[in-house]
PDB file of N, CA and C in Angstrom:
ATOM      1  N   UNK A   1     -13.365 -16.893 -10.306  1.00  0.00           N
ATOM      2  CA  UNK A   1     -13.072 -15.585  -9.729  1.00  0.00           C
ATOM      3  C   UNK A   1     -12.210 -15.778  -8.485  1.00  0.00           C
ATOM      4  N   UNK A   2     -11.185 -14.954  -8.308  1.00  0.00           N
ATOM      5  CA  UNK A   2     -10.288 -15.130  -7.174  1.00  0.00           C
ATOM      6  C   UNK A   2     -10.867 -14.464  -5.930  1.00  0.00           C
ATOM      7  N   UNK A   3     -10.441 -14.945  -4.802  1.00  0.00           N
ATOM      8  CA  UNK A   3     -10.859 -14.406  -3.521  1.00  0.00           C
ATOM      9  C   UNK A   3     -10.304 -12.992  -3.362  1.00  0.00           C
ATOM     10  N   UNK A   4     -11.111 -12.089  -2.847  1.00  0.00           N
ATOM     11  CA  UNK A   4     -10.707 -10.708  -2.629  1.00  0.00           C
ATOM     12  C   UNK A   4      -9.496 -10.605  -1.712  1.00  0.00           C
ATOM     13  N   UNK A   5      -9.343 -11.577  -0.820  1.00  0.00           N
ATOM     14  CA  UNK A   5      -8.271 -11.518   0.171  1.00  0.00           C
ATOM     15  C   UNK A   5      -7.085 -12.408  -0.176  1.00  0.00           C
ATOM     16  N   UNK A   6      -6.956 -12.833  -1.421  1.00  0.00           N
ATOM     17  CA  UNK A   6      -5.805 -13.634  -1.838  1.00  0.00           C
ATOM     18  C   UNK A   6      -4.487 -12.922  -1.535  1.00  0.00           C
ATOM     19  N   UNK A   7      -4.504 -11.604  -1.545  1.00  0.00           N
ATOM     20  CA  UNK A   7      -3.295 -10.829  -1.303  1.00  0.00           C
ATOM     21  C   UNK A   7      -2.729 -11.089   0.093  1.00  0.00           C
ATOM     22  N   UNK A   8      -3.568 -11.364   1.064  1.00  0.00           N
ATOM     23  CA  UNK A   8      -3.110 -11.499   2.448  1.00  0.00           C
ATOM     24  C   UNK A   8      -2.081 -12.616   2.614  1.00  0.00           C
ATOM     25  N   UNK A   9      -2.195 -13.668   1.835  1.00  0.00           N
ATOM     26  CA  UNK A   9      -1.249 -14.786   1.962  1.00  0.00           C
ATOM     27  C   UNK A   9       0.122 -14.442   1.388  1.00  0.00           C
ATOM     28  N   UNK A  10       0.234 -13.322   0.680  1.00  0.00           N
ATOM     29  CA  UNK A  10       1.517 -12.895   0.103  1.00  0.00           C
ATOM     30  C   UNK A  10       2.136 -11.711   0.852  1.00  0.00           C
ATOM     31  N   UNK A  11       1.501 -11.293   1.943  1.00  0.00           N
ATOM     32  CA  UNK A  11       1.976 -10.134   2.696  1.00  0.00           C
ATOM     33  C   UNK A  11       3.297 -10.383   3.401  1.00  0.00           C
ATOM     34  N   UNK A  12       4.090  -9.339   3.524  1.00  0.00           N
ATOM     35  CA  UNK A  12       5.373  -9.436   4.232  1.00  0.00           C
ATOM     36  C   UNK A  12       5.165  -9.777   5.702  1.00  0.00           C
ATOM     37  N   UNK A  13       3.983  -9.504   6.214  1.00  0.00           N
ATOM     38  CA  UNK A  13       3.697  -9.748   7.631  1.00  0.00           C
ATOM     39  C   UNK A  13       3.013 -11.094   7.878  1.00  0.00           C
ATOM     40  N   UNK A  14       2.860 -11.901   6.837  1.00  0.00           N
ATOM     41  CA  UNK A  14       2.071 -13.145   6.962  1.00  0.00           C
ATOM     42  C   UNK A  14       2.587 -14.091   8.041  1.00  0.00           C
ATOM     43  N   UNK A  15       3.867 -14.067   8.328  1.00  0.00           N
ATOM     44  CA  UNK A  15       4.398 -14.968   9.363  1.00  0.00           C
ATOM     45  C   UNK A  15       4.659 -14.232  10.671  1.00  0.00           C
ATOM     46  N   UNK A  16       4.222 -12.984  10.744  1.00  0.00           N
ATOM     47  CA  UNK A  16       4.404 -12.168  11.941  1.00  0.00           C
ATOM     48  C   UNK A  16       3.260 -12.418  12.914  1.00  0.00           C
ATOM     49  N   UNK A  17       3.552 -12.367  14.179  1.00  0.00           N
ATOM     50  CA  UNK A  17       2.507 -12.461  15.199  1.00  0.00           C
ATOM     51  C   UNK A  17       1.567 -11.271  14.996  1.00  0.00           C
ATOM     52  N   UNK A  18       0.287 -11.502  14.754  1.00  0.00           N
ATOM     53  CA  UNK A  18      -0.651 -10.403  14.493  1.00  0.00           C
ATOM     54  C   UNK A  18      -0.665  -9.331  15.578  1.00  0.00           C
ATOM     55  N   UNK A  19      -0.410  -9.714  16.817  1.00  0.00           N
ATOM     56  CA  UNK A  19      -0.409  -8.727  17.899  1.00  0.00           C
ATOM     57  C   UNK A  19       0.640  -7.645  17.693  1.00  0.00           C
ATOM     58  N   UNK A  20       1.722  -7.957  16.982  1.00  0.00           N
ATOM     59  CA  UNK A  20       2.765  -6.957  16.761  1.00  0.00           C
ATOM     60  C   UNK A  20       2.328  -5.884  15.767  1.00  0.00           C
ATOM     61  N   UNK A  21       1.269  -6.144  15.013  1.00  0.00           N
ATOM     62  CA  UNK A  21       0.775  -5.171  14.036  1.00  0.00           C
ATOM     63  C   UNK A  21      -0.232  -4.206  14.643  1.00  0.00           C
ATOM     64  N   UNK A  22      -0.653  -4.473  15.859  1.00  0.00           N
ATOM     65  CA  UNK A  22      -1.668  -3.656  16.521  1.00  0.00           C
ATOM     66  C   UNK A  22      -1.089  -3.038  17.786  1.00  0.00           C
ATOM     67  N   UNK A  23      -0.130  -2.149  17.575  1.00  0.00           N
ATOM     68  CA  UNK A  23       0.571  -1.473  18.664  1.00  0.00           C
ATOM     69  C   UNK A  23       0.265   0.018  18.599  1.00  0.00           C
ATOM     70  N   UNK A  24       0.745   0.756  19.583  1.00  0.00           N
ATOM     71  CA  UNK A  24       0.493   2.188  19.625  1.00  0.00           C
ATOM     72  C   UNK A  24       1.793   2.963  19.706  1.00  0.00           C
ATOM     73  N   UNK A  25       1.705   4.249  19.446  1.00  0.00           N
ATOM     74  CA  UNK A  25       2.837   5.148  19.600  1.00  0.00           C
ATOM     75  C   UNK A  25       3.988   4.846  18.657  1.00  0.00           C
ATOM     76  N   UNK A  26       5.212   5.031  19.174  1.00  0.00           N
ATOM     77  CA  UNK A  26       6.424   4.876  18.373  1.00  0.00           C
ATOM     78  C   UNK A  26       6.573   3.467  17.814  1.00  0.00           C
ATOM     79  N   UNK A  27       5.993   2.486  18.473  1.00  0.00           N
ATOM     80  CA  UNK A  27       6.081   1.106  17.995  1.00  0.00           C
ATOM     81  C   UNK A  27       5.441   0.962  16.613  1.00  0.00           C
ATOM     82  N   UNK A  28       4.484   1.825  16.295  1.00  0.00           N
ATOM     83  CA  UNK A  28       3.852   1.767  14.979  1.00  0.00           C
ATOM     84  C   UNK A  28       4.853   2.055  13.862  1.00  0.00           C
ATOM     85  N   UNK A  29       5.786   2.948  14.116  1.00  0.00           N
ATOM     86  CA  UNK A  29       6.797   3.254  13.092  1.00  0.00           C
ATOM     87  C   UNK A  29       7.690   2.049  12.821  1.00  0.00           C
ATOM     88  N   UNK A  30       7.981   1.265  13.836  1.00  0.00           N
ATOM     89  CA  UNK A  30       8.768   0.044  13.632  1.00  0.00           C
ATOM     90  C   UNK A  30       7.967  -0.963  12.808  1.00  0.00           C
ATOM     91  N   UNK A  31       6.688  -1.075  13.092  1.00  0.00           N
ATOM     92  CA  UNK A  31       5.832  -2.001  12.347  1.00  0.00           C
ATOM     93  C   UNK A  31       5.737  -1.567  10.885  1.00  0.00           C
ATOM     94  N   UNK A  32       5.654  -0.279  10.642  1.00  0.00           N
ATOM     95  CA  UNK A  32       5.528   0.225   9.268  1.00  0.00           C
ATOM     96  C   UNK A  32       6.705  -0.173   8.395  1.00  0.00           C
ATOM     97  N   UNK A  33       7.867  -0.416   8.991  1.00  0.00           N
ATOM     98  CA  UNK A  33       9.033  -0.820   8.193  1.00  0.00           C
ATOM     99  C   UNK A  33       8.816  -2.179   7.539  1.00  0.00           C
ATOM    100  N   UNK A  34       7.991  -3.035   8.148  1.00  0.00           N
ATOM    101  CA  UNK A  34       7.673  -4.336   7.552  1.00  0.00           C
ATOM    102  C   UNK A  34       6.971  -4.117   6.210  1.00  0.00           C
ATOM    103  N   UNK A  35       6.180  -3.062   6.127  1.00  0.00           N
ATOM    104  CA  UNK A  35       5.375  -2.784   4.927  1.00  0.00           C
ATOM    105  C   UNK A  35       6.198  -2.229   3.763  1.00  0.00           C
ATOM    106  N   UNK A  36       7.357  -1.686   4.035  1.00  0.00           N
ATOM    107  CA  UNK A  36       8.124  -0.991   2.997  1.00  0.00           C
ATOM    108  C   UNK A  36       8.396  -1.833   1.760  1.00  0.00           C
ATOM    109  N   UNK A  37       8.729  -3.092   1.946  1.00  0.00           N
ATOM    110  CA  UNK A  37       9.055  -3.944   0.796  1.00  0.00           C
ATOM    111  C   UNK A  37       7.966  -4.978   0.513  1.00  0.00           C
ATOM    112  N   UNK A  38       6.794  -4.761   1.070  1.00  0.00           N
ATOM    113  CA  UNK A  38       5.716  -5.743   0.917  1.00  0.00           C
ATOM    114  C   UNK A  38       5.145  -5.718  -0.500  1.00  0.00           C
ATOM    115  N   UNK A  39       5.023  -6.881  -1.124  1.00  0.00           N
ATOM    116  CA  UNK A  39       4.516  -6.933  -2.499  1.00  0.00           C
ATOM    117  C   UNK A  39       3.020  -6.641  -2.624  1.00  0.00           C
ATOM    118  N   UNK A  40       2.287  -6.674  -1.509  1.00  0.00           N
ATOM    119  CA  UNK A  40       0.841  -6.427  -1.567  1.00  0.00           C
ATOM    120  C   UNK A  40       0.441  -5.225  -0.706  1.00  0.00           C
ATOM    121  N   UNK A  41       1.346  -4.307  -0.558  1.00  0.00           N
ATOM    122  CA  UNK A  41       1.093  -3.118   0.263  1.00  0.00           C
ATOM    123  C   UNK A  41      -0.129  -2.345  -0.236  1.00  0.00           C
ATOM    124  N   UNK A  42      -0.252  -2.181  -1.531  1.00  0.00           N
ATOM    125  CA  UNK A  42      -1.380  -1.438  -2.098  1.00  0.00           C
ATOM    126  C   UNK A  42      -2.704  -2.120  -1.784  1.00  0.00           C
ATOM    127  N   UNK A  43      -2.764  -3.428  -1.969  1.00  0.00           N
ATOM    128  CA  UNK A  43      -3.994  -4.171  -1.707  1.00  0.00           C
ATOM    129  C   UNK A  43      -4.375  -4.096  -0.233  1.00  0.00           C
ATOM    130  N   UNK A  44      -3.390  -4.187   0.625  1.00  0.00           N
ATOM    131  CA  UNK A  44      -3.606  -4.137   2.066  1.00  0.00           C
ATOM    132  C   UNK A  44      -4.165  -2.773   2.479  1.00  0.00           C
ATOM    133  N   UNK A  45      -3.527  -1.710   2.002  1.00  0.00           N
ATOM    134  CA  UNK A  45      -3.977  -0.362   2.331  1.00  0.00           C
ATOM    135  C   UNK A  45      -5.375  -0.112   1.784  1.00  0.00           C
ATOM    136  N   UNK A  46      -5.618  -0.514   0.557  1.00  0.00           N
ATOM    137  CA  UNK A  46      -6.940  -0.316  -0.049  1.00  0.00           C
ATOM    138  C   UNK A  46      -8.014  -1.035   0.758  1.00  0.00           C
ATOM    139  N   UNK A  47      -7.723  -2.251   1.192  1.00  0.00           N
ATOM    140  CA  UNK A  47      -8.694  -3.006   1.979  1.00  0.00           C
ATOM    141  C   UNK A  47      -8.999  -2.293   3.289  1.00  0.00           C
ATOM    142  N   UNK A  48      -7.974  -1.800   3.952  1.00  0.00           N
ATOM    143  CA  UNK A  48      -8.170  -1.091   5.223  1.00  0.00           C
ATOM    144  C   UNK A  48      -8.982   0.188   5.016  1.00  0.00           C
ATOM    145  N   UNK A  49      -8.703   0.907   3.940  1.00  0.00           N
ATOM    146  CA  UNK A  49      -9.440   2.147   3.676  1.00  0.00           C
ATOM    147  C   UNK A  49     -10.874   1.866   3.242  1.00  0.00           C
ATOM    148  N   UNK A  50     -11.054   0.928   2.338  1.00  0.00           N
ATOM    149  CA  UNK A  50     -12.400   0.611   1.854  1.00  0.00           C
ATOM    150  C   UNK A  50     -13.299   0.073   2.970  1.00  0.00           C
ATOM    151  N   UNK A  51     -12.709  -0.646   3.912  1.00  0.00           N
ATOM    152  CA  UNK A  51     -13.490  -1.249   4.995  1.00  0.00           C
ATOM    153  C   UNK A  51     -13.422  -0.463   6.302  1.00  0.00           C
ATOM    154  N   UNK A  52     -12.790   0.712   6.239  1.00  0.00           N
ATOM    155  CA  UNK A  52     -12.695   1.606   7.399  1.00  0.00           C
ATOM    156  C   UNK A  52     -12.182   0.864   8.642  1.00  0.00           C
ATOM    157  N   UNK A  53     -11.099   0.098   8.438  1.00  0.00           N
ATOM    158  CA  UNK A  53     -10.497  -0.634   9.560  1.00  0.00           C
ATOM    159  C   UNK A  53      -9.859   0.387  10.496  1.00  0.00           C
ATOM    160  N   UNK A  54     -10.246   0.343  11.729  1.00  0.00           N
ATOM    161  CA  UNK A  54      -9.868   1.392  12.674  1.00  0.00           C
ATOM    162  C   UNK A  54      -8.552   1.176  13.397  1.00  0.00           C
ATOM    163  N   UNK A  55      -8.096  -0.054  13.513  1.00  0.00           N
ATOM    164  CA  UNK A  55      -6.918  -0.303  14.336  1.00  0.00           C
ATOM    165  C   UNK A  55      -5.823  -1.015  13.556  1.00  0.00           C
ATOM    166  N   UNK A  56      -4.589  -0.779  13.990  1.00  0.00           N
ATOM    167  CA  UNK A  56      -3.456  -1.484  13.420  1.00  0.00           C
ATOM    168  C   UNK A  56      -2.804  -0.758  12.255  1.00  0.00           C
ATOM    169  N   UNK A  57      -1.653  -1.267  11.876  1.00  0.00           N
ATOM    170  CA  UNK A  57      -0.919  -0.757  10.718  1.00  0.00           C
ATOM    171  C   UNK A  57      -1.315  -1.618   9.528  1.00  0.00           C
ATOM    172  N   UNK A  58      -1.780  -0.984   8.478  1.00  0.00           N
ATOM    173  CA  UNK A  58      -2.216  -1.672   7.257  1.00  0.00           C
ATOM    174  C   UNK A  58      -1.621  -0.936   6.069  1.00  0.00           C
ATOM    175  N   UNK A  59      -0.941  -1.643   5.203  1.00  0.00           N
ATOM    176  CA  UNK A  59      -0.385  -1.022   4.005  1.00  0.00           C
ATOM    177  C   UNK A  59       0.580   0.103   4.292  1.00  0.00           C
ATOM    178  N   UNK A  60       1.227   0.044   5.438  1.00  0.00           N
ATOM    179  CA  UNK A  60       2.218   1.060   5.783  1.00  0.00           C
ATOM    180  C   UNK A  60       1.647   2.315   6.413  1.00  0.00           C
ATOM    181  N   UNK A  61       0.370   2.298   6.759  1.00  0.00           N
ATOM    182  CA  UNK A  61      -0.239   3.474   7.385  1.00  0.00           C
ATOM    183  C   UNK A  61      -0.877   3.109   8.723  1.00  0.00           C
ATOM    184  N   UNK A  62      -0.727   4.000   9.680  1.00  0.00           N
ATOM    185  CA  UNK A  62      -1.360   3.829  10.986  1.00  0.00           C
ATOM    186  C   UNK A  62      -2.829   4.233  10.888  1.00  0.00           C
ATOM    187  N   UNK A  63      -3.578   3.912  11.930  1.00  0.00           N
ATOM    188  CA  UNK A  63      -4.986   4.304  11.925  1.00  0.00           C
ATOM    189  C   UNK A  63      -5.152   5.824  11.853  1.00  0.00           C
ATOM    190  N   UNK A  64      -4.281   6.558  12.493  1.00  0.00           N
ATOM    191  CA  UNK A  64      -4.358   8.023  12.452  1.00  0.00           C
ATOM    192  C   UNK A  64      -4.100   8.529  11.027  1.00  0.00           C
ATOM    193  N   UNK A  65      -3.108   7.963  10.378  1.00  0.00           N
ATOM    194  CA  UNK A  65      -2.808   8.368   8.992  1.00  0.00           C
ATOM    195  C   UNK A  65      -3.961   8.026   8.049  1.00  0.00           C
ATOM    196  N   UNK A  66      -4.567   6.847   8.259  1.00  0.00           N
ATOM    197  CA  UNK A  66      -5.696   6.458   7.408  1.00  0.00           C
ATOM    198  C   UNK A  66      -6.898   7.366   7.646  1.00  0.00           C
ATOM    199  N   UNK A  67      -7.181   7.699   8.899  1.00  0.00           N
ATOM    200  CA  UNK A  67      -8.301   8.609   9.189  1.00  0.00           C
ATOM    201  C   UNK A  67      -8.089   9.956   8.521  1.00  0.00           C
ATOM    202  N   UNK A  68      -6.863  10.468   8.595  1.00  0.00           N
ATOM    203  CA  UNK A  68      -6.566  11.767   7.966  1.00  0.00           C
ATOM    204  C   UNK A  68      -6.766  11.687   6.457  1.00  0.00           C
ATOM    205  N   UNK A  69      -6.333  10.597   5.837  1.00  0.00           N
ATOM    206  CA  UNK A  69      -6.498  10.421   4.397  1.00  0.00           C
ATOM    207  C   UNK A  69      -7.982  10.340   4.034  1.00  0.00           C
ATOM    208  N   UNK A  70      -8.748   9.611   4.813  1.00  0.00           N
ATOM    209  CA  UNK A  70     -10.189   9.495   4.556  1.00  0.00           C
ATOM    210  C   UNK A  70     -10.879  10.852   4.693  1.00  0.00           C
ATOM    211  N   UNK A  71     -10.443  11.670   5.639  1.00  0.00           N
ATOM    212  CA  UNK A  71     -11.017  13.023   5.781  1.00  0.00           C
ATOM    213  C   UNK A  71     -10.659  13.907   4.596  1.00  0.00           C
ATOM    214  N   UNK A  72      -9.418  13.780   4.108  1.00  0.00           N
ATOM    215  CA  UNK A  72      -8.979  14.605   2.969  1.00  0.00           C
ATOM    216  C   UNK A  72      -9.657  14.202   1.667  1.00  0.00           C
ATOM    217  N   UNK A  73     -10.016  12.933   1.536  1.00  0.00           N
ATOM    218  CA  UNK A  73     -10.597  12.423   0.281  1.00  0.00           C
ATOM    219  C   UNK A  73     -11.939  11.729   0.541  1.00  0.00           C
ATOM    220  N   UNK A  74     -12.947  12.468   1.037  1.00  0.00           N
ATOM    221  CA  UNK A  74     -14.218  11.831   1.416  1.00  0.00           C
ATOM    222  C   UNK A  74     -15.025  11.288   0.242  1.00  0.00           C
ATOM    223  N   UNK A  75     -14.724  11.703  -0.970  1.00  0.00           N
ATOM    224  CA  UNK A  75     -15.521  11.286  -2.121  1.00  0.00           C
ATOM    225  C   UNK A  75     -15.005  10.039  -2.832  1.00  0.00           C
ATOM    226  N   UNK A  76     -13.925   9.467  -2.337  1.00  0.00           N
ATOM    227  CA  UNK A  76     -13.394   8.256  -2.965  1.00  0.00           C
ATOM    228  C   UNK A  76     -14.349   7.102  -2.684  1.00  0.00           C
ATOM    229  N   UNK A  77     -14.832   6.492  -3.755  1.00  0.00           N
ATOM    230  CA  UNK A  77     -15.777   5.380  -3.632  1.00  0.00           C
ATOM    231  C   UNK A  77     -15.027   4.065  -3.440  1.00  0.00           C
ATOM    232  N   UNK A  78     -13.950   3.872  -4.205  1.00  0.00           N
ATOM    233  CA  UNK A  78     -13.173   2.638  -4.120  1.00  0.00           C
ATOM    234  C   UNK A  78     -11.692   2.979  -4.030  1.00  0.00           C
ATOM    235  N   UNK A  79     -11.129   2.792  -2.857  1.00  0.00           N
ATOM    236  CA  UNK A  79      -9.692   3.018  -2.688  1.00  0.00           C
ATOM    237  C   UNK A  79      -8.900   1.978  -3.457  1.00  0.00           C
ATOM    238  N   UNK A  80      -9.439   0.789  -3.551  1.00  0.00           N
ATOM    239  CA  UNK A  80      -8.750  -0.267  -4.306  1.00  0.00           C
ATOM    240  C   UNK A  80      -8.555   0.176  -5.754  1.00  0.00           C
ATOM    241  N   UNK A  81      -9.621   0.643  -6.375  1.00  0.00           N
ATOM    242  CA  UNK A  81      -9.530   1.084  -7.764  1.00  0.00           C
ATOM    243  C   UNK A  81      -8.588   2.280  -7.899  1.00  0.00           C
ATOM    244  N   UNK A  82      -8.701   3.243  -6.996  1.00  0.00           N
ATOM    245  CA  UNK A  82      -7.850   4.432  -7.045  1.00  0.00           C
ATOM    246  C   UNK A  82      -6.373   4.068  -6.903  1.00  0.00           C
ATOM    247  N   UNK A  83      -6.050   3.228  -5.913  1.00  0.00           N
ATOM    248  CA  UNK A  83      -4.652   2.870  -5.673  1.00  0.00           C
ATOM    249  C   UNK A  83      -4.083   1.972  -6.769  1.00  0.00           C
ATOM    250  N   UNK A  84      -4.895   1.062  -7.286  1.00  0.00           N
ATOM    251  CA  UNK A  84      -4.415   0.203  -8.377  1.00  0.00           C
ATOM    252  C   UNK A  84      -4.176   1.025  -9.642  1.00  0.00           C
ATOM    253  N   UNK A  85      -5.032   1.996  -9.906  1.00  0.00           N
ATOM    254  CA  UNK A  85      -4.845   2.881 -11.064  1.00  0.00           C
ATOM    255  C   UNK A  85      -3.573   3.707 -10.890  1.00  0.00           C
ATOM    256  N   UNK A  86      -3.368   4.238  -9.691  1.00  0.00           N
ATOM    257  CA  UNK A  86      -2.165   5.033  -9.417  1.00  0.00           C
ATOM    258  C   UNK A  86      -0.904   4.185  -9.552  1.00  0.00           C
ATOM    259  N   UNK A  87      -0.965   2.941  -9.070  1.00  0.00           N
ATOM    260  CA  UNK A  87       0.193   2.047  -9.179  1.00  0.00           C
ATOM    261  C   UNK A  87       0.502   1.736 -10.641  1.00  0.00           C
ATOM    262  N   UNK A  88      -0.527   1.486 -11.433  1.00  0.00           N
ATOM    263  CA  UNK A  88      -0.329   1.187 -12.852  1.00  0.00           C
ATOM    264  C   UNK A  88       0.258   2.396 -13.574  1.00  0.00           C
ATOM    265  N   UNK A  89      -0.218   3.579 -13.245  1.00  0.00           N
ATOM    266  CA  UNK A  89       0.310   4.799 -13.866  1.00  0.00           C
ATOM    267  C   UNK A  89       1.765   5.019 -13.469  1.00  0.00           C
ATOM    268  N   UNK A  90       2.082   4.762 -12.216  1.00  0.00           N
ATOM    269  CA  UNK A  90       3.465   4.896 -11.755  1.00  0.00           C
ATOM    270  C   UNK A  90       4.373   3.921 -12.507  1.00  0.00           C
ATOM    271  N   UNK A  91       3.940   2.671 -12.635  1.00  0.00           N
ATOM    272  CA  UNK A  91       4.719   1.669 -13.362  1.00  0.00           C
ATOM    273  C   UNK A  91       4.936   2.092 -14.811  1.00  0.00           C
ATOM    274  N   UNK A  92       3.888   2.622 -15.431  1.00  0.00           N
ATOM    275  CA  UNK A  92       3.997   3.074 -16.817  1.00  0.00           C
ATOM    276  C   UNK A  92       5.032   4.194 -16.932  1.00  0.00           C
ATOM    277  N   UNK A  93       5.017   5.130 -15.993  1.00  0.00           N
ATOM    278  CA  UNK A  93       5.976   6.239 -16.022  1.00  0.00           C
ATOM    279  C   UNK A  93       7.404   5.744 -15.792  1.00  0.00           C
ATOM    280  N   UNK A  94       7.570   4.763 -14.916  1.00  0.00           N
ATOM    281  CA  UNK A  94       8.894   4.180 -14.670  1.00  0.00           C
ATOM    282  C   UNK A  94       9.416   3.532 -15.951  1.00  0.00           C
ATOM    283  N   UNK A  95       8.547   2.804 -16.633  1.00  0.00           N
ATOM    284  CA  UNK A  95       8.945   2.140 -17.879  1.00  0.00           C
ATOM    285  C   UNK A  95       9.300   3.153 -18.959  1.00  0.00           C
ATOM    286  N   UNK A  96       8.511   4.223 -19.090  1.00  0.00           N
ATOM    287  CA  UNK A  96       8.787   5.260 -20.086  1.00  0.00           C
ATOM    288  C   UNK A  96      10.115   5.946 -19.775  1.00  0.00           C
ATOM    289  N   UNK A  97      10.327   6.278 -18.509  1.00  0.00           N
ATOM    290  CA  UNK A  97      11.566   6.934 -18.100  1.00  0.00           C
ATOM    291  C   UNK A  97      12.762   6.024 -18.333  1.00  0.00           C
ATOM    292  N   UNK A  98      12.607   4.759 -18.008  1.00  0.00           N
ATOM    293  CA  UNK A  98      13.683   3.788 -18.191  1.00  0.00           C
ATOM    294  C   UNK A  98      14.021   3.635 -19.680  1.00  0.00           C
ATOM    295  N   UNK A  99      12.999   3.534 -20.516  1.00  0.00           N
ATOM    296  CA  UNK A  99      13.227   3.402 -21.962  1.00  0.00           C
ATOM    297  C   UNK A  99      13.886   4.660 -22.521  1.00  0.00           C
ATOM    298  N   UNK A 100      13.459   5.813 -22.024  1.00  0.00           N
ATOM    299  CA  UNK A 100      14.040   7.077 -22.484  1.00  0.00           C
ATOM    300  C   UNK A 100      15.512   7.185 -22.080  1.00  0.00           C
ATOM    301  N   UNK A 101      15.831   6.766 -20.864  1.00  0.00           N
ATOM    302  CA  UNK A 101      17.220   6.791 -20.390  1.00  0.00           C
ATOM    303  C   UNK A 101      18.094   5.851 -21.210  1.00  0.00           C
ATOM    304  N   UNK A 102      17.570   4.671 -21.491  1.00  0.00           N
ATOM    305  CA  UNK A 102      18.325   3.700 -22.285  1.00  0.00           C
ATOM    306  C   UNK A 102      18.576   4.238 -23.695  1.00  0.00           C
ATOM    307  N   UNK A 103      17.574   4.877 -24.256  1.00  0.00           N
ATOM    308  CA  UNK A 103      17.703   5.456 -25.595  1.00  0.00           C
ATOM    309  C   UNK A 103      18.748   6.572 -25.611  1.00  0.00           C
ATOM    310  N   UNK A 104      18.748   7.395 -24.569  1.00  0.00           N
ATOM    311  CA  UNK A 104      19.725   8.489 -24.464  1.00  0.00           C
ATOM    312  C   UNK A 104      21.135   7.960 -24.329  1.00  0.00           C
ATOM    313  N   UNK A 105      21.315   6.880 -23.574  1.00  0.00           N
ATOM    314  CA  UNK A 105      22.653   6.310 -23.398  1.00  0.00           C
ATOM    315  C   UNK A 105      23.180   5.740 -24.721  1.00  0.00           C
ATOM    316  N   UNK A 106      22.292   5.116 -25.505  1.00  0.00           N
ATOM    317  CA  UNK A 106      22.709   4.551 -26.789  1.00  0.00           C
ATOM    318  C   UNK A 106      23.056   5.670 -27.777  1.00  0.00           C
ATOM    319  N   UNK A 107      22.339   6.772 -27.714  1.00  0.00           N
ATOM    320  CA  UNK A 107      22.564   7.868 -28.652  1.00  0.00           C
ATOM    321  C   UNK A 107      23.829   8.649 -28.294  1.00  0.00           C
ATOM    322  N   UNK A 108      24.200   8.649 -27.002  1.00  0.00           N
ATOM    323  CA  UNK A 108      25.326   9.454 -26.536  1.00  0.00           C
ATOM    324  C   UNK A 108      26.583   8.758 -26.664  1.00  0.00           C
TER     325      UNK A 108
END
């Protein structure tokens, strides 16, 4: 069985000074840009939400954004499961759309 935190070693911020991820105000928006292309953004955000991590930018969201999300969705038992399911559904839709576009181009 793999470690729950295996994702952390693949994060876009893995070589960043951790102190830069725990800033306040406008600096948080600069930190969030690191998350935009991160391959484990979903895992990071899910971990922060599931464990109610109060400080820092995690998965592209500030603590204020995470608190607001937790208030809006108080019945979510596992954010990891919810976000992984949403990601898989998004990927499936991208593949269907891509296949449909390719089919239309060949027919036209």
